[in-house]
Amino acid sequence: MNGTPHGWRVTPLPPDWGTTRRRILTRDRHKCYMCGAHAPEVDHITPASQHGTDDDSNLAAICVRCHRRKTSAEGVAARAKPPRQRPAESHPGTLTDR
């Protein structure tokens, strides 16, 4: 399959993800950036499938409920997008007498 299937991440999480996850949860005091509830998970604010990075500035603590809701909405949006179409190209020349 070409591209990102269903909007999912196609590259693995970095090998030090556990350390990054703990750092973000500590930084955000385990508070969901969407609703303020207890947050045991870390979210990519701009999803990796949309070229979001693993930089701390793109990561935030998120609760399970908000994470499910956001991930579901991202998947629906990815499937709803019309396929990318290239603009029509003009023909380089016309056929003349053969």
C-alpha atoms as a PDB file:
ATOM      1  CA  MET A   1       0.000   0.000   0.000  1.00  0.00           C
ATOM      2  CA  ASN A   2       1.414   3.414  -0.921  1.00  0.00           C
ATOM      3  CA  GLY A   3       1.334   6.284   1.544  1.00  0.00           C
ATOM      4  CA  THR A   4       0.017   6.092   5.076  1.00  0.00           C
ATOM      5  CA  PRO A   5      -2.626   3.395   5.503  1.00  0.00           C
ATOM      6  CA  HIS A   6      -5.692   4.781   7.317  1.00  0.00           C
ATOM      7  CA  GLY A   7      -3.656   7.717   8.642  1.00  0.00           C
ATOM      8  CA  TRP A   8      -1.566   5.461  10.888  1.00  0.00           C
ATOM      9  CA  ARG A   9       2.054   6.022  11.749  1.00  0.00           C
ATOM     10  CA  VAL A  10       4.353   4.208   9.331  1.00  0.00           C
ATOM     11  CA  THR A  11       7.605   4.703  11.233  1.00  0.00           C
ATOM     12  CA  PRO A  12       8.213   3.129  14.632  1.00  0.00           C
ATOM     13  CA  LEU A  13       8.374   5.203  17.783  1.00  0.00           C
ATOM     14  CA  PRO A  14      11.920   6.197  18.711  1.00  0.00           C
ATOM     15  CA  PRO A  15      13.883   3.675  20.797  1.00  0.00           C
ATOM     16  CA  ASP A  16      13.923   6.069  23.769  1.00  0.00           C
ATOM     17  CA  TRP A  17      10.126   6.569  23.686  1.00  0.00           C
ATOM     18  CA  GLY A  18       9.728   5.387  27.301  1.00  0.00           C
ATOM     19  CA  THR A  19      12.079   8.124  28.513  1.00  0.00           C
ATOM     20  CA  THR A  20      10.403  10.736  26.294  1.00  0.00           C
ATOM     21  CA  ARG A  21       6.943   9.641  27.490  1.00  0.00           C
ATOM     22  CA  ARG A  22       7.913   9.943  31.178  1.00  0.00           C
ATOM     23  CA  ARG A  23       9.493  13.362  30.561  1.00  0.00           C
ATOM     24  CA  ILE A  24       6.353  14.709  28.844  1.00  0.00           C
ATOM     25  CA  LEU A  25       4.013  13.320  31.513  1.00  0.00           C
ATOM     26  CA  THR A  26       6.155  14.913  34.233  1.00  0.00           C
ATOM     27  CA  ARG A  27       6.350  18.219  32.334  1.00  0.00           C
ATOM     28  CA  ASP A  28       2.556  18.274  31.898  1.00  0.00           C
ATOM     29  CA  ARG A  29       1.913  16.997  35.453  1.00  0.00           C
ATOM     30  CA  HIS A  30      -0.181  14.148  34.064  1.00  0.00           C
ATOM     31  CA  LYS A  31      -2.924  16.626  33.037  1.00  0.00           C
ATOM     32  CA  CYS A  32      -4.691  16.164  29.703  1.00  0.00           C
ATOM     33  CA  TYR A  33      -4.019  19.108  27.415  1.00  0.00           C
ATOM     34  CA  MET A  34      -7.565  18.815  26.049  1.00  0.00           C
ATOM     35  CA  CYS A  35      -9.777  18.430  29.137  1.00  0.00           C
ATOM     36  CA  GLY A  36      -7.512  18.669  32.202  1.00  0.00           C
ATOM     37  CA  ALA A  37      -8.267  15.139  33.465  1.00  0.00           C
ATOM     38  CA  HIS A  38      -5.589  12.699  34.664  1.00  0.00           C
ATOM     39  CA  ALA A  39      -3.485  11.796  31.627  1.00  0.00           C
ATOM     40  CA  PRO A  40      -1.505   8.535  31.475  1.00  0.00           C
ATOM     41  CA  GLU A  41      -0.724   8.784  27.738  1.00  0.00           C
ATOM     42  CA  VAL A  42       1.283  11.057  25.435  1.00  0.00           C
ATOM     43  CA  ASP A  43      -0.138  12.387  22.180  1.00  0.00           C
ATOM     44  CA  HIS A  44       1.444  13.771  19.050  1.00  0.00           C
ATOM     45  CA  ILE A  45      -0.403  17.089  18.668  1.00  0.00           C
ATOM     46  CA  THR A  46       0.265  17.014  14.926  1.00  0.00           C
ATOM     47  CA  PRO A  47       0.065  13.293  14.110  1.00  0.00           C
ATOM     48  CA  ALA A  48       3.126  11.518  12.772  1.00  0.00           C
ATOM     49  CA  SER A  49       0.990  10.510   9.791  1.00  0.00           C
ATOM     50  CA  GLN A  50       0.746  14.221   8.939  1.00  0.00           C
ATOM     51  CA  HIS A  51       4.483  14.736   9.348  1.00  0.00           C
ATOM     52  CA  GLY A  52       4.339  15.636  13.047  1.00  0.00           C
ATOM     53  CA  THR A  53       7.657  15.160  14.814  1.00  0.00           C
ATOM     54  CA  ASP A  54       8.668  13.412  18.013  1.00  0.00           C
ATOM     55  CA  ASP A  55       9.977  16.721  19.382  1.00  0.00           C
ATOM     56  CA  ASP A  56       8.789  17.690  22.858  1.00  0.00           C
ATOM     57  CA  SER A  57       7.019  20.724  21.377  1.00  0.00           C
ATOM     58  CA  ASN A  58       4.714  18.379  19.434  1.00  0.00           C
ATOM     59  CA  LEU A  59       3.986  16.068  22.382  1.00  0.00           C
ATOM     60  CA  ALA A  60       1.504  16.505  25.220  1.00  0.00           C
ATOM     61  CA  ALA A  61      -0.091  14.470  27.990  1.00  0.00           C
ATOM     62  CA  ILE A  62      -3.579  13.250  27.133  1.00  0.00           C
ATOM     63  CA  CYS A  63      -6.249  11.204  28.910  1.00  0.00           C
ATOM     64  CA  VAL A  64      -7.432   7.898  27.460  1.00  0.00           C
ATOM     65  CA  ARG A  65     -10.869   9.265  26.513  1.00  0.00           C
ATOM     66  CA  CYS A  66      -9.541  12.322  24.660  1.00  0.00           C
ATOM     67  CA  HIS A  67      -6.805  10.239  22.992  1.00  0.00           C
ATOM     68  CA  ARG A  68      -9.381   7.760  21.669  1.00  0.00           C
ATOM     69  CA  ARG A  69     -11.632  10.567  20.457  1.00  0.00           C
ATOM     70  CA  LYS A  70      -8.774  12.471  18.767  1.00  0.00           C
ATOM     71  CA  THR A  71      -7.284   9.365  17.143  1.00  0.00           C
ATOM     72  CA  SER A  72     -10.698   8.321  15.852  1.00  0.00           C
ATOM     73  CA  ALA A  73     -11.358  11.790  14.395  1.00  0.00           C
ATOM     74  CA  GLU A  74      -7.924  11.784  12.721  1.00  0.00           C
ATOM     75  CA  GLY A  75      -8.630   8.372  11.169  1.00  0.00           C
ATOM     76  CA  VAL A  76     -12.032   9.486   9.881  1.00  0.00           C
ATOM     77  CA  ALA A  77     -10.502  12.653   8.423  1.00  0.00           C
ATOM     78  CA  ALA A  78      -7.721  10.675   6.737  1.00  0.00           C
ATOM     79  CA  ARG A  79     -10.198   8.302   5.105  1.00  0.00           C
ATOM     80  CA  ALA A  80     -12.505  11.153   4.040  1.00  0.00           C
ATOM     81  CA  LYS A  81      -9.837  13.053   2.140  1.00  0.00           C
ATOM     82  CA  PRO A  82     -10.173  12.748  -1.600  1.00  0.00           C
ATOM     83  CA  PRO A  83      -7.166  11.122  -3.189  1.00  0.00           C
ATOM     84  CA  ARG A  84      -4.474  13.605  -4.122  1.00  0.00           C
ATOM     85  CA  GLN A  85      -4.669  14.384  -7.786  1.00  0.00           C
ATOM     86  CA  ARG A  86      -1.966  15.893  -9.875  1.00  0.00           C
ATOM     87  CA  PRO A  87      -2.918  18.877 -11.988  1.00  0.00           C
ATOM     88  CA  ALA A  88      -3.443  18.076 -15.634  1.00  0.00           C
ATOM     89  CA  GLU A  89      -0.283  18.420 -17.657  1.00  0.00           C
ATOM     90  CA  SER A  90      -0.308  19.867 -21.122  1.00  0.00           C
ATOM     91  CA  HIS A  91       0.847  17.539 -23.834  1.00  0.00           C
ATOM     92  CA  PRO A  92       4.394  18.328 -24.936  1.00  0.00           C
ATOM     93  CA  GLY A  93       3.380  18.455 -28.567  1.00  0.00           C
ATOM     94  CA  THR A  94       0.755  17.311 -30.961  1.00  0.00           C
ATOM     95  CA  LEU A  95       1.074  14.630 -33.525  1.00  0.00           C
ATOM     96  CA  THR A  96       1.241  15.972 -37.040  1.00  0.00           C
ATOM     97  CA  ASP A  97       1.458  14.238 -40.379  1.00  0.00           C
ATOM     98  CA  ARG A  98       2.698  10.716 -40.215  1.00  0.00           C
END
